[in-house]
């Protein structure tokens, strides 16, 4: 990865833990199922942010990619936003440079 997210991810963990502590204090009679559901909600949010951070760190390409059809060099055509949904139904926004082959007109949105 091009970036170290250790401090960001520690902050996310702290937010989940403090949020869960506050929730538990506000719901002292919560059942095990309610506690589990709340933890899942909080962890799903943290997980989505971690996924976005990790995907964006690996997405940076300095040189335009080669076209998979003709082998020519593609051209950058600006930054595009892509919304994905995680397994826990959280939206993740990825901003990537979009490349197009000037010969084939084939587009490529880098994976991640």
C-alpha atoms as a PDB file:
ATOM      1  CA  UNK A   1       0.000   0.000   0.000  1.00  0.00           C
ATOM      2  CA  UNK A   2       1.172   3.506  -0.718  1.00  0.00           C
ATOM      3  CA  UNK A   3      -0.242   4.828   2.534  1.00  0.00           C
ATOM      4  CA  UNK A   4      -0.063   3.640   6.118  1.00  0.00           C
ATOM      5  CA  UNK A   5      -3.521   3.699   7.661  1.00  0.00           C
ATOM      6  CA  UNK A   6      -2.464   2.419  11.070  1.00  0.00           C
ATOM      7  CA  UNK A   7      -3.386   5.608  12.936  1.00  0.00           C
ATOM      8  CA  UNK A   8      -6.646   6.033  10.981  1.00  0.00           C
ATOM      9  CA  UNK A   9      -7.615   2.453  11.706  1.00  0.00           C
ATOM     10  CA  UNK A  10      -6.774   2.832  15.400  1.00  0.00           C
ATOM     11  CA  UNK A  11      -9.072   5.869  15.434  1.00  0.00           C
ATOM     12  CA  UNK A  12     -11.852   3.824  13.804  1.00  0.00           C
ATOM     13  CA  UNK A  13     -11.409   1.087  16.404  1.00  0.00           C
ATOM     14  CA  UNK A  14     -11.540   3.635  19.217  1.00  0.00           C
ATOM     15  CA  UNK A  15     -14.739   5.127  17.740  1.00  0.00           C
ATOM     16  CA  UNK A  16     -16.397   1.693  17.641  1.00  0.00           C
ATOM     17  CA  UNK A  17     -15.346   0.891  21.185  1.00  0.00           C
ATOM     18  CA  UNK A  18     -16.439   4.238  22.650  1.00  0.00           C
ATOM     19  CA  UNK A  19     -19.665   4.174  20.631  1.00  0.00           C
ATOM     20  CA  UNK A  20     -20.437   0.702  21.884  1.00  0.00           C
ATOM     21  CA  UNK A  21     -19.712   1.736  25.475  1.00  0.00           C
ATOM     22  CA  UNK A  22     -22.080   4.708  25.147  1.00  0.00           C
ATOM     23  CA  UNK A  23     -24.749   2.546  23.534  1.00  0.00           C
ATOM     24  CA  UNK A  24     -24.440  -0.065  26.269  1.00  0.00           C
ATOM     25  CA  UNK A  25     -24.791   2.583  28.984  1.00  0.00           C
ATOM     26  CA  UNK A  26     -27.914   3.886  27.254  1.00  0.00           C
ATOM     27  CA  UNK A  27     -29.302   0.329  26.929  1.00  0.00           C
ATOM     28  CA  UNK A  28     -28.482  -1.444  30.210  1.00  0.00           C
ATOM     29  CA  UNK A  29     -31.207  -4.056  29.733  1.00  0.00           C
ATOM     30  CA  UNK A  30     -30.353  -4.939  26.145  1.00  0.00           C
ATOM     31  CA  UNK A  31     -30.581  -8.584  25.225  1.00  0.00           C
ATOM     32  CA  UNK A  32     -27.659 -10.536  23.834  1.00  0.00           C
ATOM     33  CA  UNK A  33     -29.263 -10.349  20.389  1.00  0.00           C
ATOM     34  CA  UNK A  34     -29.629  -6.543  20.607  1.00  0.00           C
ATOM     35  CA  UNK A  35     -26.009  -6.199  21.735  1.00  0.00           C
ATOM     36  CA  UNK A  36     -24.861  -8.403  18.866  1.00  0.00           C
ATOM     37  CA  UNK A  37     -26.892  -6.398  16.345  1.00  0.00           C
ATOM     38  CA  UNK A  38     -25.486  -3.090  17.578  1.00  0.00           C
ATOM     39  CA  UNK A  39     -21.919  -4.384  17.461  1.00  0.00           C
ATOM     40  CA  UNK A  40     -22.529  -5.614  13.903  1.00  0.00           C
ATOM     41  CA  UNK A  41     -23.814  -2.162  12.869  1.00  0.00           C
ATOM     42  CA  UNK A  42     -20.803  -0.409  14.352  1.00  0.00           C
ATOM     43  CA  UNK A  43     -18.313  -2.891  12.920  1.00  0.00           C
ATOM     44  CA  UNK A  44     -19.919  -2.712   9.476  1.00  0.00           C
ATOM     45  CA  UNK A  45     -19.316   1.043   9.390  1.00  0.00           C
ATOM     46  CA  UNK A  46     -15.697   0.615  10.437  1.00  0.00           C
ATOM     47  CA  UNK A  47     -15.208  -2.197   7.944  1.00  0.00           C
ATOM     48  CA  UNK A  48     -16.547  -0.092   5.052  1.00  0.00           C
ATOM     49  CA  UNK A  49     -14.184   2.779   5.869  1.00  0.00           C
ATOM     50  CA  UNK A  50     -11.229   0.396   6.121  1.00  0.00           C
ATOM     51  CA  UNK A  51     -12.141  -1.181   2.765  1.00  0.00           C
ATOM     52  CA  UNK A  52     -12.328   2.248   1.112  1.00  0.00           C
ATOM     53  CA  UNK A  53      -8.971   3.307   2.584  1.00  0.00           C
ATOM     54  CA  UNK A  54      -7.246   0.108   1.484  1.00  0.00           C
ATOM     55  CA  UNK A  55      -8.769   0.189  -2.012  1.00  0.00           C
ATOM     56  CA  UNK A  56      -7.821   3.816  -2.581  1.00  0.00           C
ATOM     57  CA  UNK A  57      -4.250   3.206  -1.409  1.00  0.00           C
ATOM     58  CA  UNK A  58      -3.723   0.521  -4.017  1.00  0.00           C
ATOM     59  CA  UNK A  59      -5.468   2.421  -6.827  1.00  0.00           C
ATOM     60  CA  UNK A  60      -2.943   5.113  -7.620  1.00  0.00           C
ATOM     61  CA  UNK A  61      -1.439   4.563 -11.059  1.00  0.00           C
ATOM     62  CA  UNK A  62       1.156   7.011 -12.262  1.00  0.00           C
ATOM     63  CA  UNK A  63       1.304   5.870 -15.885  1.00  0.00           C
ATOM     64  CA  UNK A  64      -1.779   5.186 -17.993  1.00  0.00           C
ATOM     65  CA  UNK A  65      -2.394   1.445 -18.377  1.00  0.00           C
ATOM     66  CA  UNK A  66      -2.007  -0.492 -21.619  1.00  0.00           C
ATOM     67  CA  UNK A  67      -5.131  -1.387 -23.568  1.00  0.00           C
ATOM     68  CA  UNK A  68      -6.009  -5.067 -23.168  1.00  0.00           C
ATOM     69  CA  UNK A  69      -7.390  -5.196 -26.733  1.00  0.00           C
ATOM     70  CA  UNK A  70      -4.706  -3.506 -28.842  1.00  0.00           C
ATOM     71  CA  UNK A  71      -1.811  -3.034 -26.424  1.00  0.00           C
ATOM     72  CA  UNK A  72      -1.696   0.721 -26.985  1.00  0.00           C
ATOM     73  CA  UNK A  73      -1.253   3.256 -24.214  1.00  0.00           C
ATOM     74  CA  UNK A  74      -4.537   4.467 -22.784  1.00  0.00           C
ATOM     75  CA  UNK A  75      -5.233   8.121 -21.937  1.00  0.00           C
ATOM     76  CA  UNK A  76      -6.539   9.449 -18.628  1.00  0.00           C
ATOM     77  CA  UNK A  77     -10.044  10.914 -18.933  1.00  0.00           C
ATOM     78  CA  UNK A  78     -10.519  12.494 -15.553  1.00  0.00           C
ATOM     79  CA  UNK A  79     -11.533  11.168 -12.199  1.00  0.00           C
ATOM     80  CA  UNK A  80     -14.696   9.143 -11.819  1.00  0.00           C
ATOM     81  CA  UNK A  81     -16.562   8.089  -8.707  1.00  0.00           C
ATOM     82  CA  UNK A  82     -17.771   4.564  -8.259  1.00  0.00           C
ATOM     83  CA  UNK A  83     -20.151   3.498  -5.480  1.00  0.00           C
ATOM     84  CA  UNK A  84     -19.882  -0.086  -4.289  1.00  0.00           C
ATOM     85  CA  UNK A  85     -21.825  -1.933  -1.608  1.00  0.00           C
ATOM     86  CA  UNK A  86     -20.047  -4.122   0.943  1.00  0.00           C
ATOM     87  CA  UNK A  87     -21.263  -7.492   2.183  1.00  0.00           C
ATOM     88  CA  UNK A  88     -22.858  -5.684   5.127  1.00  0.00           C
ATOM     89  CA  UNK A  89     -24.815  -3.277   2.893  1.00  0.00           C
ATOM     90  CA  UNK A  90     -22.553  -0.274   3.447  1.00  0.00           C
ATOM     91  CA  UNK A  91     -21.740   2.027   0.552  1.00  0.00           C
ATOM     92  CA  UNK A  92     -18.097   2.629  -0.271  1.00  0.00           C
ATOM     93  CA  UNK A  93     -17.093   5.496  -2.536  1.00  0.00           C
ATOM     94  CA  UNK A  94     -14.013   5.020  -4.717  1.00  0.00           C
ATOM     95  CA  UNK A  95     -12.528   7.875  -6.742  1.00  0.00           C
ATOM     96  CA  UNK A  96     -10.318   6.688  -9.554  1.00  0.00           C
ATOM     97  CA  UNK A  97      -8.806   8.001 -12.745  1.00  0.00           C
ATOM     98  CA  UNK A  98     -10.624   6.609 -15.749  1.00  0.00           C
ATOM     99  CA  UNK A  99      -8.554   5.612 -18.803  1.00  0.00           C
ATOM    100  CA  UNK A 100      -9.703   5.246 -22.408  1.00  0.00           C
ATOM    101  CA  UNK A 101      -7.862   3.773 -25.392  1.00  0.00           C
ATOM    102  CA  UNK A 102      -7.777   6.374 -28.191  1.00  0.00           C
ATOM    103  CA  UNK A 103      -7.602   3.576 -30.788  1.00  0.00           C
ATOM    104  CA  UNK A 104     -10.241   1.116 -29.526  1.00  0.00           C
ATOM    105  CA  UNK A 105     -12.282   3.522 -27.393  1.00  0.00           C
ATOM    106  CA  UNK A 106     -12.244   0.896 -24.608  1.00  0.00           C
ATOM    107  CA  UNK A 107     -12.500   2.327 -21.085  1.00  0.00           C
ATOM    108  CA  UNK A 108     -10.880   1.111 -17.896  1.00  0.00           C
ATOM    109  CA  UNK A 109     -11.702   1.944 -14.296  1.00  0.00           C
ATOM    110  CA  UNK A 110      -8.800   0.578 -12.218  1.00  0.00           C
ATOM    111  CA  UNK A 111      -9.777  -2.224  -9.838  1.00  0.00           C
ATOM    112  CA  UNK A 112      -9.329  -2.104  -6.111  1.00  0.00           C
END
